[in-house]
């Protein structure tokens, strides 16, 4: 009888674990590096590298990057004067997450207002 109960517990656990849905978006190690950055602002480079890694991984595998990752990465690029790359990231966020279109259009205009960058009508 004990063996049967043990078998039922193990079988139930196996069946329930099969019902776990795969992650919907690619978050990578975002939460860990963000927490590390908040605790120690000198870890910014590690967080930005993780954002880049998640985006590259998502592009390579076809998985969708989590909401806001392209925007956050674009913001860091914009802060470092890489306005062309920032505009591309803001555009990707706008395409992947249409609900962010108004904010991303504003960010594109903001990035375009920095020296050395012009924006075409399709970016707005």
N, C-alpha and C. Protein backbone atom coordinates (compact mmCIF):
# COMPACT_ATOMS: atom_id res chain seq x y z
N UNK A 1 0.82 -1.19 0.00
CA UNK A 1 0.00 0.00 0.00
C UNK A 1 0.87 1.27 0.00
N UNK A 2 1.95 1.26 0.81
CA UNK A 2 2.85 2.40 0.87
C UNK A 2 3.53 2.63 -0.48
N UNK A 3 3.86 1.57 -1.15
CA UNK A 3 4.51 1.68 -2.45
C UNK A 3 3.55 2.33 -3.45
N UNK A 4 2.28 1.94 -3.38
CA UNK A 4 1.28 2.50 -4.28
C UNK A 4 1.09 3.99 -4.02
N UNK A 5 1.07 4.40 -2.74
CA UNK A 5 0.93 5.82 -2.41
C UNK A 5 2.14 6.61 -2.90
N UNK A 6 3.32 6.07 -2.70
CA UNK A 6 4.53 6.73 -3.18
C UNK A 6 4.52 6.89 -4.69
N UNK A 7 4.08 5.84 -5.37
CA UNK A 7 4.00 5.88 -6.83
C UNK A 7 3.01 6.96 -7.27
N UNK A 8 1.86 7.05 -6.60
CA UNK A 8 0.86 8.06 -6.96
C UNK A 8 1.38 9.48 -6.74
N UNK A 9 2.12 9.69 -5.67
CA UNK A 9 2.70 11.01 -5.41
C UNK A 9 3.70 11.37 -6.51
N UNK A 10 4.57 10.46 -6.85
CA UNK A 10 5.57 10.72 -7.88
C UNK A 10 4.90 10.92 -9.24
N UNK A 11 3.91 10.12 -9.56
CA UNK A 11 3.21 10.25 -10.84
C UNK A 11 2.47 11.58 -10.91
N UNK A 12 1.84 11.99 -9.82
CA UNK A 12 1.14 13.27 -9.79
C UNK A 12 2.11 14.43 -9.99
N UNK A 13 3.24 14.37 -9.32
CA UNK A 13 4.24 15.43 -9.46
C UNK A 13 4.75 15.50 -10.90
N UNK A 14 4.97 14.36 -11.50
CA UNK A 14 5.45 14.33 -12.89
C UNK A 14 4.42 14.91 -13.84
N UNK A 15 3.16 14.57 -13.63
CA UNK A 15 2.10 15.09 -14.50
C UNK A 15 1.93 16.60 -14.33
N UNK A 16 1.98 17.07 -13.11
CA UNK A 16 1.83 18.50 -12.88
C UNK A 16 3.01 19.31 -13.41
N UNK A 17 4.20 18.76 -13.34
CA UNK A 17 5.36 19.49 -13.85
C UNK A 17 5.32 19.58 -15.37
N UNK A 18 4.65 18.67 -16.01
CA UNK A 18 4.53 18.72 -17.47
C UNK A 18 3.61 19.85 -17.91
N UNK A 19 2.82 20.38 -17.00
CA UNK A 19 1.87 21.44 -17.32
C UNK A 19 2.47 22.83 -17.23
N UNK A 20 3.70 22.96 -16.81
CA UNK A 20 4.33 24.26 -16.68
C UNK A 20 4.59 24.82 -18.08
N UNK A 21 4.09 26.02 -18.30
CA UNK A 21 4.26 26.65 -19.61
C UNK A 21 5.68 27.20 -19.74
N UNK A 22 6.23 27.15 -20.94
CA UNK A 22 7.56 27.74 -21.14
C UNK A 22 7.46 29.26 -20.99
N UNK A 23 8.57 29.92 -20.67
CA UNK A 23 8.53 31.37 -20.52
C UNK A 23 8.05 32.04 -21.81
N UNK A 24 7.26 33.07 -21.65
CA UNK A 24 6.69 33.74 -22.82
C UNK A 24 7.69 34.67 -23.49
N UNK A 25 8.55 35.28 -22.68
CA UNK A 25 9.53 36.23 -23.20
C UNK A 25 10.92 35.88 -22.69
N UNK A 26 11.92 36.36 -23.40
CA UNK A 26 13.30 36.12 -23.00
C UNK A 26 13.74 37.22 -22.03
N UNK A 27 13.92 36.85 -20.77
CA UNK A 27 14.38 37.79 -19.75
C UNK A 27 15.87 37.60 -19.45
N UNK A 28 16.44 36.46 -19.83
CA UNK A 28 17.84 36.21 -19.53
C UNK A 28 18.10 36.36 -18.04
N UNK A 29 19.19 37.00 -17.68
CA UNK A 29 19.53 37.27 -16.27
C UNK A 29 19.25 38.73 -15.92
N UNK A 30 18.25 39.29 -16.55
CA UNK A 30 17.94 40.71 -16.38
C UNK A 30 17.76 41.10 -14.92
N UNK A 31 16.94 40.34 -14.20
CA UNK A 31 16.65 40.73 -12.82
C UNK A 31 17.90 40.72 -11.93
N UNK A 32 18.77 39.77 -12.14
CA UNK A 32 20.00 39.69 -11.35
C UNK A 32 20.95 40.85 -11.60
N UNK A 33 21.13 41.19 -12.89
CA UNK A 33 22.05 42.29 -13.19
C UNK A 33 21.45 43.64 -12.82
N UNK A 34 20.12 43.77 -12.94
CA UNK A 34 19.48 45.02 -12.53
C UNK A 34 19.61 45.21 -11.02
N UNK A 35 19.38 44.15 -10.28
CA UNK A 35 19.53 44.22 -8.82
C UNK A 35 20.97 44.58 -8.45
N UNK A 36 21.93 43.94 -9.12
CA UNK A 36 23.34 44.24 -8.87
C UNK A 36 23.66 45.70 -9.18
N UNK A 37 23.10 46.22 -10.26
CA UNK A 37 23.32 47.61 -10.64
C UNK A 37 22.71 48.56 -9.61
N UNK A 38 21.51 48.24 -9.13
CA UNK A 38 20.88 49.08 -8.11
C UNK A 38 21.69 49.11 -6.82
N UNK A 39 22.22 47.98 -6.44
CA UNK A 39 23.01 47.90 -5.21
C UNK A 39 24.39 48.55 -5.37
N UNK A 40 24.95 48.47 -6.57
CA UNK A 40 26.28 49.02 -6.82
C UNK A 40 26.30 49.63 -8.23
N UNK A 41 26.09 50.95 -8.33
CA UNK A 41 26.01 51.60 -9.63
C UNK A 41 27.24 51.42 -10.53
N UNK A 42 28.34 50.97 -9.98
CA UNK A 42 29.51 50.73 -10.83
C UNK A 42 29.32 49.48 -11.69
N UNK A 43 28.26 48.72 -11.45
CA UNK A 43 27.97 47.52 -12.24
C UNK A 43 27.12 47.81 -13.47
N UNK A 44 27.03 49.06 -13.85
CA UNK A 44 26.23 49.43 -15.01
C UNK A 44 26.67 48.69 -16.26
N UNK A 45 27.97 48.60 -16.48
CA UNK A 45 28.46 47.92 -17.69
C UNK A 45 27.99 46.47 -17.77
N UNK A 46 27.96 45.78 -16.63
CA UNK A 46 27.49 44.39 -16.61
C UNK A 46 26.01 44.32 -16.97
N UNK A 47 25.24 45.28 -16.48
CA UNK A 47 23.80 45.28 -16.78
C UNK A 47 23.56 45.57 -18.27
N UNK A 48 24.26 46.55 -18.81
CA UNK A 48 24.12 46.89 -20.23
C UNK A 48 24.57 45.70 -21.10
N UNK A 49 25.63 45.03 -20.71
CA UNK A 49 26.10 43.85 -21.45
C UNK A 49 25.05 42.75 -21.42
N UNK A 50 24.37 42.58 -20.29
CA UNK A 50 23.31 41.57 -20.20
C UNK A 50 22.12 41.94 -21.09
N UNK A 51 21.76 43.22 -21.13
CA UNK A 51 20.69 43.65 -22.03
C UNK A 51 21.04 43.32 -23.48
N UNK A 52 22.28 43.62 -23.86
CA UNK A 52 22.73 43.33 -25.23
C UNK A 52 22.71 41.82 -25.49
N UNK A 53 23.12 41.05 -24.51
CA UNK A 53 23.13 39.59 -24.65
C UNK A 53 21.72 39.03 -24.82
N UNK A 54 20.79 39.53 -24.04
CA UNK A 54 19.39 39.07 -24.15
C UNK A 54 18.83 39.40 -25.52
N UNK A 55 19.10 40.60 -26.00
CA UNK A 55 18.58 41.02 -27.30
C UNK A 55 19.19 40.19 -28.42
N UNK A 56 20.49 39.96 -28.37
CA UNK A 56 21.13 39.12 -29.40
C UNK A 56 20.60 37.69 -29.35
N UNK A 57 20.45 37.17 -28.16
CA UNK A 57 19.92 35.81 -27.99
C UNK A 57 18.50 35.72 -28.55
N UNK A 58 17.70 36.73 -28.27
CA UNK A 58 16.32 36.76 -28.78
C UNK A 58 16.29 36.81 -30.30
N UNK A 59 17.16 37.65 -30.87
CA UNK A 59 17.23 37.74 -32.33
C UNK A 59 17.67 36.42 -32.95
N UNK A 60 18.63 35.77 -32.30
CA UNK A 60 19.18 34.52 -32.83
C UNK A 60 18.16 33.38 -32.76
N UNK A 61 17.41 33.31 -31.66
CA UNK A 61 16.48 32.18 -31.46
C UNK A 61 15.07 32.47 -31.93
N UNK A 62 14.77 33.73 -32.20
CA UNK A 62 13.42 34.08 -32.61
C UNK A 62 12.47 34.29 -31.44
N UNK A 63 12.99 34.17 -30.22
CA UNK A 63 12.17 34.43 -29.04
C UNK A 63 12.00 35.94 -28.89
N UNK A 64 10.89 36.35 -28.34
CA UNK A 64 10.63 37.77 -28.18
C UNK A 64 11.29 38.28 -26.90
N UNK A 65 12.05 39.37 -27.03
CA UNK A 65 12.65 39.99 -25.85
C UNK A 65 11.53 40.57 -24.99
N UNK A 66 11.72 40.54 -23.70
CA UNK A 66 10.70 41.01 -22.77
C UNK A 66 10.38 42.48 -23.01
N UNK A 67 9.18 42.89 -22.64
CA UNK A 67 8.80 44.29 -22.85
C UNK A 67 9.73 45.25 -22.13
N UNK A 68 10.14 46.28 -22.84
CA UNK A 68 10.97 47.32 -22.25
C UNK A 68 12.47 47.13 -22.40
N UNK A 69 12.91 45.92 -22.77
CA UNK A 69 14.36 45.68 -22.84
C UNK A 69 15.01 46.47 -23.97
N UNK A 70 14.37 46.53 -25.12
CA UNK A 70 14.93 47.32 -26.22
C UNK A 70 14.97 48.80 -25.84
N UNK A 71 13.92 49.26 -25.18
CA UNK A 71 13.87 50.67 -24.78
C UNK A 71 14.97 51.00 -23.76
N UNK A 72 15.14 50.13 -22.78
CA UNK A 72 16.17 50.38 -21.77
C UNK A 72 17.57 50.35 -22.39
N UNK A 73 17.81 49.38 -23.25
CA UNK A 73 19.11 49.30 -23.92
C UNK A 73 19.32 50.53 -24.80
N UNK A 74 18.29 50.95 -25.51
CA UNK A 74 18.37 52.14 -26.34
C UNK A 74 18.67 53.39 -25.52
N UNK A 75 18.10 53.46 -24.33
CA UNK A 75 18.35 54.61 -23.46
C UNK A 75 19.83 54.67 -23.05
N UNK A 76 20.39 53.52 -22.70
CA UNK A 76 21.81 53.50 -22.33
C UNK A 76 22.69 53.85 -23.54
N UNK A 77 22.30 53.38 -24.72
CA UNK A 77 23.05 53.73 -25.92
C UNK A 77 22.99 55.23 -26.17
N UNK A 78 21.80 55.80 -26.00
CA UNK A 78 21.63 57.24 -26.21
C UNK A 78 22.48 58.04 -25.23
N UNK A 79 22.55 57.59 -23.99
CA UNK A 79 23.37 58.28 -23.00
C UNK A 79 24.85 58.26 -23.37
N UNK A 80 25.27 57.24 -24.11
CA UNK A 80 26.67 57.12 -24.52
C UNK A 80 26.92 57.71 -25.91
N UNK A 81 25.95 58.45 -26.44
CA UNK A 81 26.14 59.13 -27.71
C UNK A 81 25.96 58.26 -28.94
N UNK A 82 25.49 57.05 -28.79
CA UNK A 82 25.27 56.14 -29.91
C UNK A 82 23.82 56.28 -30.38
N UNK A 83 23.53 57.45 -30.94
CA UNK A 83 22.14 57.78 -31.24
C UNK A 83 21.54 56.92 -32.35
N UNK A 84 22.31 56.56 -33.35
CA UNK A 84 21.78 55.71 -34.42
C UNK A 84 21.34 54.35 -33.86
N UNK A 85 22.18 53.76 -33.04
CA UNK A 85 21.85 52.47 -32.44
C UNK A 85 20.68 52.62 -31.47
N UNK A 86 20.61 53.74 -30.75
CA UNK A 86 19.51 53.98 -29.82
C UNK A 86 18.19 54.07 -30.57
N UNK A 87 18.19 54.82 -31.67
CA UNK A 87 16.97 54.96 -32.48
C UNK A 87 16.52 53.59 -33.00
N UNK A 88 17.46 52.76 -33.40
CA UNK A 88 17.11 51.41 -33.87
C UNK A 88 16.45 50.60 -32.76
N UNK A 89 16.98 50.70 -31.54
CA UNK A 89 16.40 49.96 -30.42
C UNK A 89 15.01 50.51 -30.07
N UNK A 90 14.84 51.81 -30.09
CA UNK A 90 13.53 52.40 -29.81
C UNK A 90 12.52 51.98 -30.88
N UNK A 91 12.97 51.92 -32.13
CA UNK A 91 12.10 51.46 -33.21
C UNK A 91 11.69 50.01 -33.04
N UNK A 92 12.63 49.17 -32.61
CA UNK A 92 12.32 47.75 -32.37
C UNK A 92 11.30 47.60 -31.24
N UNK A 93 11.48 48.39 -30.17
CA UNK A 93 10.52 48.36 -29.05
C UNK A 93 9.14 48.78 -29.55
N UNK A 94 9.11 49.81 -30.36
CA UNK A 94 7.86 50.33 -30.90
C UNK A 94 7.15 49.29 -31.77
N UNK A 95 7.94 48.54 -32.55
CA UNK A 95 7.38 47.50 -33.41
C UNK A 95 6.88 46.30 -32.60
N UNK A 96 7.70 45.85 -31.65
CA UNK A 96 7.35 44.66 -30.86
C UNK A 96 6.21 44.91 -29.89
N UNK A 97 6.14 46.12 -29.37
CA UNK A 97 5.15 46.47 -28.33
C UNK A 97 4.43 47.74 -28.77
N UNK A 98 3.39 47.62 -29.60
CA UNK A 98 2.68 48.79 -30.15
C UNK A 98 2.15 49.75 -29.09
N UNK A 99 1.88 49.24 -27.89
CA UNK A 99 1.38 50.12 -26.85
C UNK A 99 2.43 51.13 -26.38
N UNK A 100 3.68 50.91 -26.77
CA UNK A 100 4.75 51.84 -26.39
C UNK A 100 5.03 52.86 -27.50
N UNK A 101 4.23 52.87 -28.55
CA UNK A 101 4.52 53.68 -29.73
C UNK A 101 4.68 55.17 -29.41
N UNK A 102 3.81 55.72 -28.59
CA UNK A 102 3.89 57.15 -28.30
C UNK A 102 5.18 57.49 -27.56
N UNK A 103 5.50 56.71 -26.54
CA UNK A 103 6.73 56.97 -25.79
C UNK A 103 7.97 56.75 -26.67
N UNK A 104 7.97 55.69 -27.46
CA UNK A 104 9.13 55.41 -28.30
C UNK A 104 9.30 56.48 -29.38
N UNK A 105 8.19 57.01 -29.91
CA UNK A 105 8.30 58.10 -30.88
C UNK A 105 8.95 59.32 -30.23
N UNK A 106 8.58 59.59 -28.97
CA UNK A 106 9.19 60.70 -28.24
C UNK A 106 10.68 60.44 -28.01
N UNK A 107 11.03 59.21 -27.67
CA UNK A 107 12.44 58.87 -27.45
C UNK A 107 13.24 58.98 -28.75
N UNK A 108 12.64 58.60 -29.85
CA UNK A 108 13.31 58.72 -31.15
C UNK A 108 13.58 60.20 -31.46
N UNK A 109 12.59 61.05 -31.21
CA UNK A 109 12.78 62.49 -31.44
C UNK A 109 13.84 63.05 -30.50
N UNK A 110 13.84 62.59 -29.27
CA UNK A 110 14.84 63.05 -28.30
C UNK A 110 16.24 62.64 -28.74
N UNK A 111 16.39 61.40 -29.17
CA UNK A 111 17.69 60.92 -29.65
C UNK A 111 18.11 61.67 -30.90
N UNK A 112 17.15 61.97 -31.77
CA UNK A 112 17.45 62.68 -33.01
C UNK A 112 17.88 64.11 -32.74
N UNK A 113 17.44 64.67 -31.63
CA UNK A 113 17.80 66.04 -31.29
C UNK A 113 19.23 66.18 -30.81
N UNK A 114 19.89 65.07 -30.57
CA UNK A 114 21.28 65.13 -30.13
C UNK A 114 22.17 65.41 -31.33
N UNK A 115 23.32 66.01 -31.11
CA UNK A 115 24.22 66.36 -32.22
C UNK A 115 24.56 65.17 -33.12
N UNK A 116 24.56 65.42 -34.43
CA UNK A 116 25.01 64.41 -35.38
C UNK A 116 23.95 63.40 -35.76
N UNK A 117 22.69 63.66 -35.48
CA UNK A 117 21.64 62.67 -35.82
C UNK A 117 20.48 63.36 -36.47
N UNK A 118 20.00 62.79 -37.57
CA UNK A 118 18.77 63.27 -38.19
C UNK A 118 17.83 62.09 -38.31
N UNK A 119 16.55 62.38 -38.28
CA UNK A 119 15.55 61.31 -38.30
C UNK A 119 14.72 61.43 -39.57
N UNK A 120 14.46 60.30 -40.18
CA UNK A 120 13.59 60.31 -41.36
C UNK A 120 12.14 60.28 -40.90
N UNK A 121 11.23 60.57 -41.80
CA UNK A 121 9.81 60.60 -41.46
C UNK A 121 9.31 59.25 -40.98
N UNK A 122 9.89 58.15 -41.48
CA UNK A 122 9.41 56.83 -41.07
C UNK A 122 9.74 56.51 -39.61
N UNK A 123 10.74 57.18 -39.02
CA UNK A 123 11.12 56.96 -37.64
C UNK A 123 10.15 57.63 -36.67
N UNK A 124 9.40 58.60 -37.14
CA UNK A 124 8.54 59.35 -36.23
C UNK A 124 7.22 58.74 -36.05
